[in-house]
Amino acid sequence: MTTIMTHAAVGLAIGHAWQPARRGRRFWMACALLPAVADADVVGFRFGIAYGDMLGHRGLSHSLLFAALLGLATAWSMGWWEKRDWRDTGHLALLFFVVAASHGPMDMLTNGGLGIALFAPFDHHRLFWDWRPILVSPIGLEKFLSPWGLAVLRDELLYFGPPTALLLAVTVMRRRIARRA
């Protein structure tokens, strides 16, 4: 898996690029947390759920269906909480789906594990991209605070840093040009 910090950074960048209006704390928290929610499936190890099971790590919680349901539920609750109209809530649902769905394809770039069940529960195959340049992140804080964890952060900065920075830069430039026009 890629690290939670990288998932959050990508989610925040997508939220910034997609959302032209200023948003509050709940919006930014959702953009940071939704891409990382899928990795909560690691708690299944404590309950005897095997890695390769559909409810195991990188299983159903990494699927597009899970991302769609999570995005919809988050948008609905935010819309209800903030008294938003249905169009704005629908816009948020689509954005939150994209933000949550970013998790699986990012993890598919790593070199470890069994792959991602991107189309679960309809297709149980685990998938990777053909190109997998990122060292898989260790599970557990002690292993993460090791040379292995530092190598993962280096890989993620190398492969996710430039496209994320480019997305932010293009968004800022586009908005400045639009304001001037």
Protein backbone atom coordinates (compact mmCIF):
# COMPACT_ATOMS: atom_id res chain seq x y z
CA MET A 1 0.00 0.00 0.00
CA THR A 2 1.02 3.57 -0.37
CA THR A 3 1.19 5.58 2.84
CA ILE A 4 -1.75 7.32 4.45
CA MET A 5 0.04 10.65 4.07
CA THR A 6 0.34 10.24 0.31
CA HIS A 7 -3.29 9.16 -0.02
CA ALA A 8 -4.32 12.26 1.96
CA ALA A 9 -2.13 14.58 -0.12
CA VAL A 10 -3.60 13.27 -3.36
CA GLY A 11 -7.15 13.56 -1.97
CA LEU A 12 -6.53 17.16 -0.92
CA ALA A 13 -5.09 18.00 -4.35
CA ILE A 14 -8.10 16.48 -6.11
CA GLY A 15 -10.45 18.39 -3.80
CA HIS A 16 -8.59 21.63 -4.48
CA ALA A 17 -8.63 21.10 -8.25
CA TRP A 18 -12.28 20.05 -8.44
CA GLN A 19 -13.89 22.47 -6.03
CA PRO A 20 -13.92 26.09 -7.18
CA ALA A 21 -15.81 27.48 -4.18
CA ARG A 22 -14.26 27.88 -0.78
CA ARG A 23 -15.11 25.02 1.52
CA GLY A 24 -14.96 24.52 5.23
CA ARG A 25 -13.14 22.19 7.55
CA ARG A 26 -15.49 19.22 6.96
CA PHE A 27 -14.82 19.34 3.22
CA TRP A 28 -11.04 19.33 3.63
CA MET A 29 -11.18 16.61 6.30
CA ALA A 30 -13.22 14.45 3.93
CA CYS A 31 -10.76 15.03 1.08
CA ALA A 32 -7.87 14.01 3.34
CA LEU A 33 -9.52 11.03 5.04
CA LEU A 34 -11.58 9.39 2.28
CA PRO A 35 -8.57 8.14 0.28
CA ALA A 36 -7.14 6.53 3.42
CA VAL A 37 -10.33 4.83 4.69
CA ALA A 38 -9.77 1.74 2.55
CA ASP A 39 -6.71 0.79 4.59
CA ALA A 40 -8.81 0.43 7.74
CA ASP A 41 -9.28 -3.13 6.48
CA VAL A 42 -5.97 -4.04 8.17
CA VAL A 43 -7.88 -4.37 11.45
CA GLY A 44 -9.25 -7.58 9.95
CA PHE A 45 -5.90 -9.25 10.66
CA ARG A 46 -6.69 -8.99 14.40
CA PHE A 47 -9.98 -10.82 13.83
CA GLY A 48 -8.48 -13.65 11.80
CA ILE A 49 -9.52 -12.37 8.37
CA ALA A 50 -6.92 -13.57 5.91
CA TYR A 51 -5.16 -11.15 3.59
CA GLY A 52 -6.59 -12.82 0.47
CA ASP A 53 -10.21 -12.92 1.68
CA MET A 54 -12.69 -10.54 0.08
CA LEU A 55 -12.90 -8.67 3.41
CA GLY A 56 -9.13 -8.90 3.85
CA HIS A 57 -6.56 -6.23 3.12
CA ARG A 58 -6.89 -4.72 -0.37
CA GLY A 59 -10.18 -6.54 -0.86
CA LEU A 60 -13.69 -5.10 -0.93
CA SER A 61 -12.69 -1.86 0.82
CA HIS A 62 -10.38 -1.05 -2.12
CA SER A 63 -13.13 -1.51 -4.73
CA LEU A 64 -14.85 1.11 -6.85
CA LEU A 65 -18.20 0.07 -5.34
CA PHE A 66 -16.92 0.77 -1.84
CA ALA A 67 -15.58 4.15 -3.01
CA ALA A 68 -18.95 5.01 -4.58
CA LEU A 69 -20.89 4.10 -1.43
CA LEU A 70 -18.40 5.92 0.80
CA GLY A 71 -18.48 9.02 -1.40
CA LEU A 72 -22.28 9.02 -1.49
CA ALA A 73 -22.62 8.52 2.27
CA THR A 74 -20.08 11.26 3.01
CA ALA A 75 -21.72 13.73 0.62
CA TRP A 76 -25.19 12.95 1.94
CA SER A 77 -24.13 13.41 5.57
CA MET A 78 -22.25 16.62 4.75
CA GLY A 79 -25.23 17.87 2.72
CA TRP A 80 -27.59 17.12 5.59
CA TRP A 81 -25.28 18.60 8.22
CA GLU A 82 -24.59 21.78 6.24
CA LYS A 83 -28.12 22.11 4.78
CA ARG A 84 -26.91 21.91 1.16
CA ASP A 85 -29.22 21.59 -1.84
CA TRP A 86 -29.38 18.30 -3.72
CA ARG A 87 -27.31 19.54 -6.69
CA ASP A 88 -24.40 20.56 -4.46
CA THR A 89 -24.71 17.25 -2.60
CA GLY A 90 -24.62 15.37 -5.92
CA HIS A 91 -21.53 17.33 -6.95
CA LEU A 92 -19.88 16.44 -3.64
CA ALA A 93 -20.85 12.77 -4.05
CA LEU A 94 -19.08 12.60 -7.40
CA LEU A 95 -16.01 14.40 -6.04
CA PHE A 96 -15.87 12.21 -2.93
CA PHE A 97 -16.20 9.08 -5.08
CA VAL A 98 -13.18 10.17 -7.16
CA VAL A 99 -11.22 11.04 -4.02
CA ALA A 100 -12.01 7.70 -2.34
CA ALA A 101 -11.50 5.75 -5.58
CA SER A 102 -7.99 7.19 -5.96
CA HIS A 103 -6.83 4.71 -3.31
CA GLY A 104 -7.02 1.51 -5.35
CA PRO A 105 -5.18 2.68 -8.49
CA MET A 106 -2.47 4.23 -6.29
CA ASP A 107 -1.96 0.94 -4.44
CA MET A 108 -1.85 -0.89 -7.77
CA LEU A 109 1.47 0.89 -8.44
CA THR A 110 3.17 -0.85 -5.50
CA ASN A 111 5.38 -3.90 -5.83
CA GLY A 112 3.93 -6.03 -3.04
CA GLY A 113 0.87 -7.79 -1.78
CA LEU A 114 -1.79 -9.68 -3.66
CA GLY A 115 -3.16 -6.85 -5.76
CA ILE A 116 -6.34 -4.79 -5.46
CA ALA A 117 -9.90 -6.14 -5.74
CA LEU A 118 -10.90 -3.07 -7.75
CA PHE A 119 -14.14 -4.55 -9.13
CA ALA A 120 -15.25 -6.47 -6.02
CA PRO A 121 -17.73 -7.90 -5.24
CA PHE A 122 -18.51 -8.53 -8.92
CA ASP A 123 -15.02 -9.72 -9.82
CA HIS A 124 -12.78 -11.25 -7.18
CA HIS A 125 -9.52 -10.96 -9.14
CA ARG A 126 -6.80 -8.85 -7.56
CA LEU A 127 -5.14 -6.40 -9.92
CA PHE A 128 -1.86 -4.53 -10.31
CA TRP A 129 -0.71 -2.13 -13.01
CA ASP A 130 1.90 -3.59 -15.36
CA TRP A 131 4.30 -0.91 -14.09
CA ARG A 132 4.82 -1.06 -10.31
CA PRO A 133 7.62 1.30 -9.35
CA ILE A 134 6.67 2.01 -5.74
CA LEU A 135 7.99 -0.05 -2.86
CA VAL A 136 5.08 -1.39 -0.82
CA SER A 137 4.69 0.28 2.57
CA PRO A 138 5.26 -1.80 5.68
CA ILE A 139 2.31 -2.38 8.00
CA GLY A 140 2.98 -1.20 11.53
CA LEU A 141 4.64 1.88 12.99
CA GLU A 142 7.86 0.15 14.05
CA LYS A 143 8.50 -1.20 10.55
CA PHE A 144 7.49 2.12 9.02
CA LEU A 145 10.12 3.95 11.08
CA SER A 146 12.88 1.96 9.41
CA PRO A 147 14.99 2.28 6.26
CA TRP A 148 12.19 0.43 4.44
CA GLY A 149 9.65 3.10 5.44
CA LEU A 150 12.01 5.89 4.38
CA ALA A 151 12.50 4.20 1.00
CA VAL A 152 8.71 4.06 0.57
CA LEU A 153 8.41 7.78 1.32
CA ARG A 154 11.19 8.51 -1.18
CA ASP A 155 9.40 6.48 -3.90
CA GLU A 156 6.07 8.16 -3.19
CA LEU A 157 7.59 11.61 -3.26
CA LEU A 158 9.29 10.77 -6.56
CA TYR A 159 6.23 9.28 -8.27
CA PHE A 160 3.27 11.09 -6.67
CA GLY A 161 4.92 14.41 -5.76
CA PRO A 162 5.38 15.85 -9.27
CA PRO A 163 1.89 15.00 -10.61
CA THR A 164 0.25 16.26 -7.40
CA ALA A 165 2.27 19.48 -7.51
CA LEU A 166 1.47 19.89 -11.21
CA LEU A 167 -2.26 19.46 -10.55
CA LEU A 168 -2.12 22.12 -7.85
CA ALA A 169 -0.04 24.51 -9.98
CA VAL A 170 -2.32 24.16 -13.00
CA THR A 171 -5.38 24.70 -10.81
CA VAL A 172 -3.94 27.84 -9.24
CA MET A 173 -2.88 29.24 -12.64
CA ARG A 174 -6.27 28.43 -14.20
CA ARG A 175 -8.09 30.20 -11.38
CA ARG A 176 -5.86 33.26 -11.59
CA ILE A 177 -6.45 33.50 -15.35
CA ALA A 178 -10.20 33.11 -14.84
CA ARG A 179 -10.24 35.89 -12.21
CA ARG A 180 -8.42 38.26 -14.53
CA ALA A 181 -10.75 37.56 -17.45
